Amino acid sequence: MRIPVGMPLDRTALMAPINNLRQSKKVRAMVRRAVDEGGRIVTGGGRPQAFPRGYFHAPTVIDDLRPDMEIATEEVFGPVIGALPFGDEDEAVALANATPMSSRTLSGRGMSATPTGSRPGCGPERSGSVPARPST
C-alpha cells in the first residue's frame, strides 16, 4: 500500500510534512544511524521525490533491527516504523516491555498471521490500548 504524502490541506494526502526543521533533521539522523547500525530500509528512508522542499519525509519501514538500537527504543516522532523479529508472543511482549517507551506508550498494535494468534499476546504488555487483529 502506498501512503499518499502531500500538503496538510490536500484531502488526498494521508501524510503531511514533519512539523519543523529540527524534528526533520532528527528523524533523518535516526534513520541514518539505524542503517549505519545494520538496519535495512524496506521502503522510504528520505525525502519524497515529489517534494524537493519542506520538511517532508517518506513513510519509512526499517527491518533487521536489534532491541538495543536507538530506533527500536526511542520515539521517532516521524513517519518511521521499525520491525523487530521475535520467536513467539512471549518474546514479542518481553521486547515491547523492555524498551524505555513501554511505560510511556499510550497505544500499541498486535498483529498475527492467524485470527487467534494475536489474542494471547495482548494483555501483559505495558500499554494503554492495544487493538489486536490478524494481519491481512
N, C-alpha and C. Protein backbone atom coordinates (compact mmCIF):
# COMPACT_ATOMS: atom_id res chain seq x y z
N MET A 1 0.84 -1.18 0.00
CA MET A 1 0.00 0.00 0.00
C MET A 1 0.88 1.24 0.00
N ARG A 2 0.59 2.15 -0.85
CA ARG A 2 1.27 3.44 -0.89
C ARG A 2 0.52 4.42 0.00
N ILE A 3 1.26 5.17 0.79
CA ILE A 3 0.66 6.20 1.65
C ILE A 3 0.87 7.54 0.94
N PRO A 4 -0.23 8.17 0.51
CA PRO A 4 -0.10 9.45 -0.20
C PRO A 4 0.45 10.54 0.71
N VAL A 5 1.53 11.17 0.28
CA VAL A 5 2.16 12.27 1.01
C VAL A 5 1.78 13.56 0.32
N GLY A 6 1.48 14.60 1.10
CA GLY A 6 1.12 15.87 0.48
C GLY A 6 1.00 16.98 1.50
N MET A 7 0.51 18.10 1.03
CA MET A 7 0.33 19.27 1.88
C MET A 7 -0.81 19.01 2.86
N PRO A 8 -0.78 19.65 4.03
CA PRO A 8 -1.79 19.40 5.06
C PRO A 8 -3.24 19.59 4.61
N LEU A 9 -3.49 20.52 3.70
CA LEU A 9 -4.87 20.76 3.27
C LEU A 9 -5.29 19.90 2.07
N ASP A 10 -4.38 19.09 1.57
CA ASP A 10 -4.69 18.19 0.46
C ASP A 10 -5.49 17.00 0.99
N ARG A 11 -6.73 16.89 0.58
CA ARG A 11 -7.62 15.83 1.09
C ARG A 11 -7.20 14.43 0.66
N THR A 12 -6.37 14.33 -0.36
CA THR A 12 -5.91 13.01 -0.81
C THR A 12 -4.67 12.54 -0.06
N ALA A 13 -4.04 13.44 0.68
CA ALA A 13 -2.82 13.09 1.41
C ALA A 13 -3.16 12.46 2.76
N LEU A 14 -2.48 11.37 3.06
CA LEU A 14 -2.62 10.75 4.37
C LEU A 14 -1.45 11.11 5.29
N MET A 15 -0.39 11.67 4.71
CA MET A 15 0.77 12.07 5.49
C MET A 15 1.25 13.43 5.01
N ALA A 16 1.45 14.33 5.97
CA ALA A 16 1.92 15.68 5.68
C ALA A 16 3.38 15.81 6.14
N PRO A 17 3.99 16.98 5.93
CA PRO A 17 5.38 17.14 6.35
C PRO A 17 5.54 17.09 7.86
N ILE A 18 6.78 16.88 8.27
CA ILE A 18 7.15 16.95 9.69
C ILE A 18 7.00 18.40 10.13
N ASN A 19 6.76 18.60 11.40
CA ASN A 19 6.41 19.91 11.95
C ASN A 19 7.45 21.01 11.77
N ASN A 20 8.73 20.71 11.92
CA ASN A 20 9.74 21.77 11.86
C ASN A 20 11.09 21.20 11.44
N LEU A 21 12.03 22.11 11.13
CA LEU A 21 13.34 21.71 10.64
C LEU A 21 14.10 20.86 11.66
N ARG A 22 14.08 21.25 12.92
CA ARG A 22 14.80 20.49 13.95
C ARG A 22 14.33 19.05 14.00
N GLN A 23 13.02 18.84 14.00
CA GLN A 23 12.49 17.48 14.06
C GLN A 23 12.78 16.72 12.77
N SER A 24 12.71 17.40 11.64
CA SER A 24 13.02 16.76 10.37
C SER A 24 14.46 16.25 10.36
N LYS A 25 15.39 17.07 10.84
CA LYS A 25 16.79 16.64 10.93
C LYS A 25 16.96 15.47 11.88
N LYS A 26 16.21 15.49 13.00
CA LYS A 26 16.30 14.41 13.98
C LYS A 26 15.82 13.08 13.37
N VAL A 27 14.71 13.13 12.64
CA VAL A 27 14.17 11.91 12.02
C VAL A 27 15.18 11.36 11.01
N ARG A 28 15.72 12.21 10.16
CA ARG A 28 16.70 11.76 9.16
C ARG A 28 17.94 11.18 9.83
N ALA A 29 18.40 11.79 10.91
CA ALA A 29 19.57 11.29 11.63
C ALA A 29 19.30 9.93 12.27
N MET A 30 18.11 9.75 12.82
CA MET A 30 17.76 8.46 13.44
C MET A 30 17.72 7.36 12.39
N VAL A 31 17.16 7.66 11.23
CA VAL A 31 17.11 6.68 10.13
C VAL A 31 18.53 6.35 9.66
N ARG A 32 19.35 7.36 9.51
CA ARG A 32 20.74 7.15 9.08
C ARG A 32 21.50 6.28 10.09
N ARG A 33 21.34 6.56 11.40
CA ARG A 33 22.02 5.75 12.42
C ARG A 33 21.52 4.31 12.41
N ALA A 34 20.21 4.13 12.18
CA ALA A 34 19.67 2.76 12.12
C ALA A 34 20.32 1.97 10.99
N VAL A 35 20.49 2.60 9.85
CA VAL A 35 21.14 1.94 8.71
C VAL A 35 22.61 1.69 9.03
N ASP A 36 23.28 2.66 9.62
CA ASP A 36 24.69 2.50 9.99
C ASP A 36 24.89 1.35 10.97
N GLU A 37 23.87 1.08 11.81
CA GLU A 37 23.95 0.02 12.81
C GLU A 37 23.47 -1.33 12.27
N GLY A 38 23.11 -1.40 10.99
CA GLY A 38 22.72 -2.66 10.39
C GLY A 38 21.26 -2.78 9.97
N GLY A 39 20.46 -1.75 10.23
CA GLY A 39 19.07 -1.77 9.79
C GLY A 39 18.98 -1.68 8.27
N ARG A 40 17.89 -2.21 7.74
CA ARG A 40 17.68 -2.23 6.28
C ARG A 40 16.39 -1.50 5.96
N ILE A 41 16.49 -0.48 5.11
CA ILE A 41 15.29 0.26 4.72
C ILE A 41 14.51 -0.57 3.72
N VAL A 42 13.27 -0.87 4.08
CA VAL A 42 12.38 -1.64 3.21
C VAL A 42 11.69 -0.71 2.24
N THR A 43 11.27 0.44 2.71
CA THR A 43 10.63 1.44 1.87
C THR A 43 10.86 2.81 2.47
N GLY A 44 10.84 3.83 1.65
CA GLY A 44 11.04 5.19 2.13
C GLY A 44 12.49 5.47 2.44
N GLY A 45 12.71 6.15 3.56
CA GLY A 45 14.07 6.41 4.01
C GLY A 45 14.55 7.83 3.82
N GLY A 46 13.83 8.64 3.10
CA GLY A 46 14.28 10.01 2.87
C GLY A 46 13.17 10.89 2.34
N ARG A 47 13.55 11.90 1.65
CA ARG A 47 12.59 12.87 1.11
C ARG A 47 11.86 12.28 -0.10
N PRO A 48 10.53 12.43 -0.16
CA PRO A 48 9.82 12.00 -1.37
C PRO A 48 10.24 12.87 -2.56
N GLN A 49 10.41 12.25 -3.72
CA GLN A 49 10.86 12.99 -4.91
C GLN A 49 9.90 14.11 -5.29
N ALA A 50 8.63 13.93 -5.01
CA ALA A 50 7.64 14.93 -5.40
C ALA A 50 7.73 16.21 -4.55
N PHE A 51 8.49 16.17 -3.47
CA PHE A 51 8.58 17.32 -2.56
C PHE A 51 10.04 17.67 -2.28
N PRO A 52 10.67 18.43 -3.20
CA PRO A 52 12.08 18.77 -3.03
C PRO A 52 12.32 19.80 -1.92
N ARG A 53 11.26 20.47 -1.46
CA ARG A 53 11.39 21.48 -0.40
C ARG A 53 10.46 21.12 0.74
N GLY A 54 10.73 21.70 1.88
CA GLY A 54 9.89 21.48 3.05
C GLY A 54 10.43 20.35 3.91
N TYR A 55 9.68 19.99 4.94
CA TYR A 55 10.12 19.01 5.92
C TYR A 55 9.49 17.64 5.68
N PHE A 56 9.34 17.28 4.42
CA PHE A 56 8.74 16.01 4.06
C PHE A 56 9.71 14.86 4.29
N HIS A 57 9.17 13.75 4.74
CA HIS A 57 9.95 12.51 4.88
C HIS A 57 9.02 11.38 4.43
N ALA A 58 9.48 10.56 3.53
CA ALA A 58 8.65 9.46 3.03
C ALA A 58 8.33 8.48 4.16
N PRO A 59 7.13 7.92 4.17
CA PRO A 59 6.83 6.86 5.13
C PRO A 59 7.91 5.77 5.01
N THR A 60 8.49 5.41 6.13
CA THR A 60 9.68 4.56 6.14
C THR A 60 9.49 3.34 7.02
N VAL A 61 9.88 2.19 6.49
CA VAL A 61 9.90 0.93 7.26
C VAL A 61 11.34 0.46 7.29
N ILE A 62 11.84 0.16 8.50
CA ILE A 62 13.20 -0.33 8.67
C ILE A 62 13.14 -1.72 9.29
N ASP A 63 13.84 -2.66 8.66
CA ASP A 63 13.87 -4.06 9.09
C ASP A 63 15.28 -4.38 9.62
N ASP A 64 15.44 -5.59 10.08
CA ASP A 64 16.73 -6.09 10.57
C ASP A 64 17.23 -5.28 11.77
N LEU A 65 16.31 -4.88 12.63
CA LEU A 65 16.69 -4.13 13.83
C LEU A 65 17.04 -5.09 14.96
N ARG A 66 17.77 -4.56 15.93
CA ARG A 66 18.07 -5.27 17.17
C ARG A 66 17.45 -4.48 18.32
N PRO A 67 17.12 -5.14 19.41
CA PRO A 67 16.47 -4.45 20.52
C PRO A 67 17.30 -3.32 21.13
N ASP A 68 18.62 -3.33 20.95
CA ASP A 68 19.46 -2.29 21.55
C ASP A 68 19.63 -1.06 20.66
N MET A 69 19.05 -1.04 19.48
CA MET A 69 19.22 0.08 18.56
C MET A 69 18.31 1.25 18.97
N GLU A 70 18.83 2.46 18.80
CA GLU A 70 18.09 3.67 19.15
C GLU A 70 16.70 3.69 18.51
N ILE A 71 16.61 3.35 17.26
CA ILE A 71 15.33 3.42 16.54
C ILE A 71 14.31 2.43 17.08
N ALA A 72 14.80 1.40 17.79
CA ALA A 72 13.90 0.41 18.40
C ALA A 72 13.52 0.77 19.83
N THR A 73 14.24 1.73 20.42
CA THR A 73 13.99 2.04 21.82
C THR A 73 13.51 3.46 22.08
N GLU A 74 13.62 4.33 21.08
CA GLU A 74 13.24 5.73 21.26
C GLU A 74 12.13 6.12 20.30
N GLU A 75 11.27 7.04 20.74
CA GLU A 75 10.23 7.57 19.87
C GLU A 75 10.88 8.36 18.74
N VAL A 76 10.43 8.15 17.52
CA VAL A 76 10.98 8.86 16.37
C VAL A 76 10.23 10.17 16.16
N PHE A 77 8.94 10.19 16.39
CA PHE A 77 8.08 11.34 16.11
C PHE A 77 8.21 11.76 14.66
N GLY A 78 8.12 10.77 13.79
CA GLY A 78 8.15 10.97 12.35
C GLY A 78 7.58 9.73 11.71
N PRO A 79 7.45 9.72 10.38
CA PRO A 79 6.80 8.61 9.67
C PRO A 79 7.73 7.41 9.50
N VAL A 80 8.18 6.86 10.61
CA VAL A 80 9.15 5.76 10.59
C VAL A 80 8.68 4.67 11.53
N ILE A 81 8.76 3.43 11.07
CA ILE A 81 8.44 2.29 11.92
C ILE A 81 9.53 1.24 11.73
N GLY A 82 9.90 0.62 12.83
CA GLY A 82 10.92 -0.42 12.78
C GLY A 82 10.31 -1.78 13.07
N ALA A 83 10.91 -2.80 12.51
CA ALA A 83 10.43 -4.17 12.71
C ALA A 83 11.50 -4.96 13.45
N LEU A 84 11.11 -5.51 14.60
CA LEU A 84 11.99 -6.38 15.39
C LEU A 84 11.51 -7.82 15.25
N PRO A 85 12.39 -8.73 14.87
CA PRO A 85 11.96 -10.13 14.78
C PRO A 85 11.78 -10.73 16.18
N PHE A 86 10.88 -11.70 16.30
CA PHE A 86 10.67 -12.40 17.56
C PHE A 86 10.21 -13.81 17.27
N GLY A 87 10.46 -14.72 18.22
CA GLY A 87 10.14 -16.13 18.03
C GLY A 87 8.71 -16.49 18.37
N ASP A 88 8.19 -15.92 19.46
CA ASP A 88 6.82 -16.23 19.87
C ASP A 88 6.22 -15.01 20.57
N GLU A 89 4.96 -15.12 20.98
CA GLU A 89 4.29 -13.98 21.57
C GLU A 89 4.91 -13.54 22.89
N ASP A 90 5.40 -14.49 23.69
CA ASP A 90 6.05 -14.12 24.95
C ASP A 90 7.27 -13.26 24.69
N GLU A 91 8.06 -13.63 23.67
CA GLU A 91 9.24 -12.84 23.33
C GLU A 91 8.84 -11.47 22.80
N ALA A 92 7.77 -11.39 22.02
CA ALA A 92 7.30 -10.11 21.50
C ALA A 92 6.89 -9.18 22.64
N VAL A 93 6.17 -9.70 23.61
CA VAL A 93 5.75 -8.89 24.76
C VAL A 93 6.97 -8.47 25.56
N ALA A 94 7.92 -9.38 25.77
CA ALA A 94 9.14 -9.04 26.51
C ALA A 94 9.92 -7.94 25.79
N LEU A 95 10.03 -8.02 24.47
CA LEU A 95 10.72 -6.98 23.70
C LEU A 95 10.01 -5.64 23.85
N ALA A 96 8.70 -5.66 23.74
CA ALA A 96 7.93 -4.41 23.86
C ALA A 96 8.09 -3.80 25.24
N ASN A 97 8.06 -4.62 26.27
CA ASN A 97 8.16 -4.11 27.64
C ASN A 97 9.57 -3.70 28.02
N ALA A 98 10.57 -4.15 27.28
CA ALA A 98 11.97 -3.86 27.62
C ALA A 98 12.42 -2.48 27.14
N THR A 99 11.64 -1.82 26.31
CA THR A 99 12.05 -0.51 25.81
C THR A 99 11.68 0.57 26.81
N PRO A 100 12.46 1.65 26.84
CA PRO A 100 12.10 2.77 27.71
C PRO A 100 10.73 3.35 27.37
N MET A 101 10.27 3.16 26.13
CA MET A 101 8.97 3.70 25.72
C MET A 101 7.81 2.93 26.32
N SER A 102 8.02 1.69 26.76
CA SER A 102 6.89 0.85 27.15
C SER A 102 6.05 1.48 28.25
N SER A 103 6.66 2.17 29.19
CA SER A 103 5.89 2.77 30.27
C SER A 103 5.23 4.07 29.84
N ARG A 104 5.63 4.62 28.68
CA ARG A 104 5.05 5.87 28.20
C ARG A 104 4.07 5.65 27.06
N THR A 105 4.00 4.45 26.54
CA THR A 105 3.20 4.19 25.35
C THR A 105 1.71 4.27 25.66
N LEU A 106 1.00 5.01 24.84
CA LEU A 106 -0.44 5.13 25.00
C LEU A 106 -1.18 4.08 24.19
N SER A 107 -0.55 3.57 23.15
CA SER A 107 -1.21 2.55 22.36
C SER A 107 -0.16 1.68 21.70
N GLY A 108 -0.59 0.52 21.25
CA GLY A 108 0.27 -0.41 20.54
C GLY A 108 -0.56 -1.17 19.53
N ARG A 109 0.04 -2.12 18.86
CA ARG A 109 -0.70 -2.91 17.87
C ARG A 109 -0.19 -4.33 17.91
N GLY A 110 -1.09 -5.28 18.01
CA GLY A 110 -0.73 -6.70 17.94
C GLY A 110 -1.21 -7.27 16.62
N MET A 111 -0.32 -7.88 15.88
CA MET A 111 -0.67 -8.45 14.58
C MET A 111 -0.23 -9.90 14.53
N SER A 112 -0.98 -10.71 13.81
CA SER A 112 -0.65 -12.12 13.69
C SER A 112 -1.11 -12.63 12.33
N ALA A 113 -0.50 -13.73 11.91
CA ALA A 113 -0.88 -14.34 10.63
C ALA A 113 -2.19 -15.13 10.76
N THR A 114 -2.62 -15.40 11.97
CA THR A 114 -3.85 -16.17 12.18
C THR A 114 -4.84 -15.36 13.01
N PRO A 115 -6.15 -15.61 12.83
CA PRO A 115 -7.15 -14.84 13.58
C PRO A 115 -7.01 -14.96 15.10
N THR A 116 -6.56 -16.09 15.59
CA THR A 116 -6.44 -16.26 17.04
C THR A 116 -5.04 -15.98 17.55
N GLY A 117 -4.08 -15.86 16.66
CA GLY A 117 -2.68 -15.69 17.07
C GLY A 117 -2.37 -14.38 17.75
N SER A 118 -3.15 -13.34 17.49
CA SER A 118 -2.83 -12.06 18.10
C SER A 118 -3.47 -11.88 19.47
N ARG A 119 -4.33 -12.76 19.87
CA ARG A 119 -5.01 -12.62 21.15
C ARG A 119 -4.15 -12.95 22.37
N PRO A 120 -3.42 -14.08 22.39
CA PRO A 120 -2.69 -14.43 23.61
C PRO A 120 -1.67 -13.40 24.05
N GLY A 121 -1.04 -12.71 23.10
CA GLY A 121 -0.01 -11.74 23.46
C GLY A 121 -0.55 -10.41 23.94
N CYS A 122 -1.83 -10.19 23.81
CA CYS A 122 -2.40 -8.90 24.21
C CYS A 122 -2.81 -8.95 25.66
N GLY A 123 -2.26 -8.10 26.43
CA GLY A 123 -2.62 -8.04 27.84
C GLY A 123 -1.44 -7.77 28.74
N PRO A 124 -0.37 -8.57 28.69
CA PRO A 124 0.70 -8.34 29.64
C PRO A 124 1.64 -7.19 29.28
N GLU A 125 1.49 -6.61 28.09
CA GLU A 125 2.37 -5.50 27.75
C GLU A 125 1.89 -4.24 28.46
N ARG A 126 2.83 -3.34 28.71
CA ARG A 126 2.52 -2.10 29.41
C ARG A 126 2.18 -1.03 28.39
N SER A 127 0.93 -0.97 28.00
CA SER A 127 0.48 -0.02 27.01
C SER A 127 -0.97 0.31 27.30
N GLY A 128 -1.37 1.53 27.03
CA GLY A 128 -2.72 1.94 27.36
C GLY A 128 -3.81 1.25 26.56
N SER A 129 -3.59 1.02 25.28
CA SER A 129 -4.60 0.45 24.39
C SER A 129 -3.91 -0.38 23.33
N VAL A 130 -4.34 -1.63 23.17
CA VAL A 130 -3.73 -2.49 22.18
C VAL A 130 -4.80 -3.22 21.39
N PRO A 131 -5.19 -2.70 20.21
CA PRO A 131 -6.10 -3.46 19.37
C PRO A 131 -5.36 -4.66 18.78
N ALA A 132 -5.99 -5.80 18.77
CA ALA A 132 -5.36 -7.00 18.21
C ALA A 132 -6.20 -7.51 17.06
N ARG A 133 -5.54 -7.78 15.94
CA ARG A 133 -6.27 -8.32 14.80
C ARG A 133 -5.31 -9.11 13.93
N PRO A 134 -5.82 -10.04 13.17
CA PRO A 134 -4.94 -10.77 12.26
C PRO A 134 -4.43 -9.85 11.17
N SER A 135 -3.20 -10.07 10.74
CA SER A 135 -2.67 -9.28 9.64
C SER A 135 -3.30 -9.76 8.34
N THR A 136 -3.43 -8.86 7.40
CA THR A 136 -4.01 -9.23 6.11
C THR A 136 -3.12 -8.80 4.99
